Amino acid sequence: MLLRYGGPLNVGCLIELRRDEHGMLATVVWRERLRAGLSSSNLLPVAELIPPEAAASLEASSKASAHKLHSSSLHGNEGSRLFGRRLEFIVFVAIAAMIATSISVMAAMVLFKPLASAVAVL
């Protein structure tokens, strides 16, 4: 539900929500920039606040989003798992290349030192 307010809302302050003849008190429990979370012990009569035609479209869209959420949650992990495996392979190849480079540099240093002293003697 979108609420518009004119002044600053501080955490812990008590606000009154009204629409037509309905009203309730709520406490601000969190605030981040222009968004705030409210808590109330009263139940919100949603069926009375939303017109029937809007309620039907909200119900249809909530069913569609629930189906989309459910279907994506079944297959959503597969993409993440595949990405993780690819990343693990790339890191493994990078580490193997670094180790191979280190070994070749150390071997070159070990082999070229005696060769350099032999060339110096000649």
Protein backbone atom coordinates (compact mmCIF):
# COMPACT_ATOMS: atom_id res chain seq x y z
CA MET A 1 0.00 0.00 0.00
CA LEU A 2 1.35 3.41 -0.91
CA LEU A 3 1.13 6.05 1.79
CA ARG A 4 1.88 9.72 1.25
CA TYR A 5 2.98 11.89 4.09
CA GLY A 6 4.02 15.46 4.38
CA GLY A 7 6.45 15.49 7.25
CA PRO A 8 9.40 13.50 8.52
CA LEU A 9 8.72 10.12 10.06
CA ASN A 10 11.00 9.08 12.89
CA VAL A 11 11.32 5.55 14.16
CA GLY A 12 9.05 5.07 17.14
CA CYS A 13 6.59 7.84 16.30
CA LEU A 14 2.87 7.06 16.28
CA ILE A 15 0.89 7.96 13.16
CA GLU A 16 -2.79 7.81 12.31
CA LEU A 17 -3.87 6.27 9.01
CA ARG A 18 -7.28 7.27 7.66
CA ARG A 19 -9.30 6.52 4.56
CA ASP A 20 -12.98 7.36 4.37
CA GLU A 21 -14.50 6.17 7.63
CA HIS A 22 -11.67 3.74 8.41
CA GLY A 23 -8.79 4.66 10.68
CA MET A 24 -6.02 3.01 12.63
CA LEU A 25 -2.91 3.88 14.63
CA ALA A 26 0.49 2.56 13.61
CA THR A 27 4.05 2.88 14.87
CA VAL A 28 7.00 3.53 12.59
CA VAL A 29 9.38 0.59 13.17
CA TRP A 30 11.98 1.34 10.49
CA ARG A 31 12.81 4.07 8.05
CA GLU A 32 15.13 4.17 5.06
CA ARG A 33 15.18 7.33 2.93
CA LEU A 34 11.56 7.83 1.80
CA ARG A 35 10.34 4.37 2.83
CA ALA A 36 9.08 3.37 6.25
CA GLY A 37 7.81 0.22 7.89
CA LEU A 38 4.73 0.42 10.06
CA SER A 39 3.45 -1.86 12.78
CA SER A 40 -0.07 -1.95 14.14
CA SER A 41 -2.07 -4.28 16.34
CA ASN A 42 -5.22 -3.45 14.35
CA LEU A 43 -6.18 -5.42 11.28
CA LEU A 44 -6.44 -3.45 8.08
CA PRO A 45 -9.83 -4.00 6.34
CA VAL A 46 -8.32 -4.39 2.87
CA ALA A 47 -11.54 -5.68 1.30
CA GLU A 48 -13.35 -2.49 2.37
CA LEU A 49 -10.54 -0.16 1.27
CA ILE A 50 -9.97 -1.51 -2.24
CA PRO A 51 -12.77 -1.32 -4.84
CA PRO A 52 -13.98 -4.73 -6.14
CA GLU A 53 -12.65 -4.19 -9.69
CA ALA A 54 -9.20 -3.28 -8.36
CA ALA A 55 -9.29 -6.25 -6.00
CA ALA A 56 -9.96 -8.63 -8.92
CA SER A 57 -6.96 -7.30 -10.87
CA LEU A 58 -4.76 -7.46 -7.76
CA GLU A 59 -5.83 -11.05 -7.16
CA ALA A 60 -5.03 -12.01 -10.76
CA SER A 61 -1.65 -10.29 -10.65
CA SER A 62 -0.79 -11.86 -7.29
CA LYS A 63 -1.61 -15.33 -8.66
CA ALA A 64 0.56 -14.67 -11.72
CA SER A 65 3.46 -13.40 -9.63
CA ALA A 66 3.10 -16.33 -7.22
CA HIS A 67 3.24 -18.76 -10.16
CA LYS A 68 6.26 -16.94 -11.61
CA LEU A 69 8.00 -16.96 -8.23
CA HIS A 70 7.27 -20.66 -7.74
CA SER A 71 8.44 -21.67 -11.23
CA SER A 72 11.59 -19.55 -11.01
CA SER A 73 12.47 -20.93 -7.59
CA LEU A 74 12.50 -24.46 -9.01
CA HIS A 75 14.97 -23.64 -11.77
CA GLY A 76 16.61 -20.52 -10.37
CA ASN A 77 19.26 -22.48 -8.46
CA GLU A 78 20.42 -24.34 -11.57
CA GLY A 79 21.75 -21.15 -13.17
CA SER A 80 23.53 -20.16 -9.97
CA ARG A 81 25.02 -23.62 -9.61
CA LEU A 82 26.26 -23.57 -13.21
CA PHE A 83 27.74 -20.09 -12.72
CA GLY A 84 29.50 -21.30 -9.56
CA ARG A 85 30.97 -24.30 -11.37
CA ARG A 86 32.23 -22.13 -14.21
CA LEU A 87 33.77 -19.67 -11.79
CA GLU A 88 35.41 -22.51 -9.85
CA PHE A 89 36.91 -23.89 -13.09
CA ILE A 90 38.23 -20.47 -14.13
CA VAL A 91 39.85 -19.95 -10.72
CA PHE A 92 41.36 -23.45 -10.86
CA VAL A 93 42.86 -22.77 -14.31
CA ALA A 94 44.21 -19.38 -13.15
CA ILE A 95 45.87 -20.93 -10.08
CA ALA A 96 47.33 -23.76 -12.19
CA ALA A 97 48.73 -21.21 -14.67
CA MET A 98 50.30 -19.19 -11.85
CA ILE A 99 51.91 -22.30 -10.35
CA ALA A 100 53.22 -23.39 -13.76
CA THR A 101 54.66 -19.93 -14.37
CA SER A 102 56.32 -19.91 -10.94
CA ILE A 103 57.88 -23.33 -11.54
CA SER A 104 59.18 -22.31 -14.96
CA VAL A 105 60.71 -19.10 -13.57
CA MET A 106 62.40 -21.02 -10.72
CA ALA A 107 63.66 -23.67 -13.16
CA ALA A 108 65.02 -20.98 -15.46
CA MET A 109 66.83 -19.33 -12.57
CA VAL A 110 68.32 -22.64 -11.44
CA LEU A 111 69.40 -23.64 -14.95
CA PHE A 112 70.62 -20.26 -16.21
CA LYS A 113 72.86 -19.53 -13.23
CA PRO A 114 75.33 -22.37 -13.99
CA LEU A 115 75.05 -21.63 -17.72
CA ALA A 116 75.88 -17.98 -17.12
CA SER A 117 78.96 -18.90 -15.03
CA ALA A 118 80.06 -21.34 -17.77
CA VAL A 119 79.75 -18.60 -20.39
CA ALA A 120 81.71 -16.24 -18.15
CA VAL A 121 84.55 -18.76 -17.91
CA LEU A 122 84.77 -19.09 -21.68
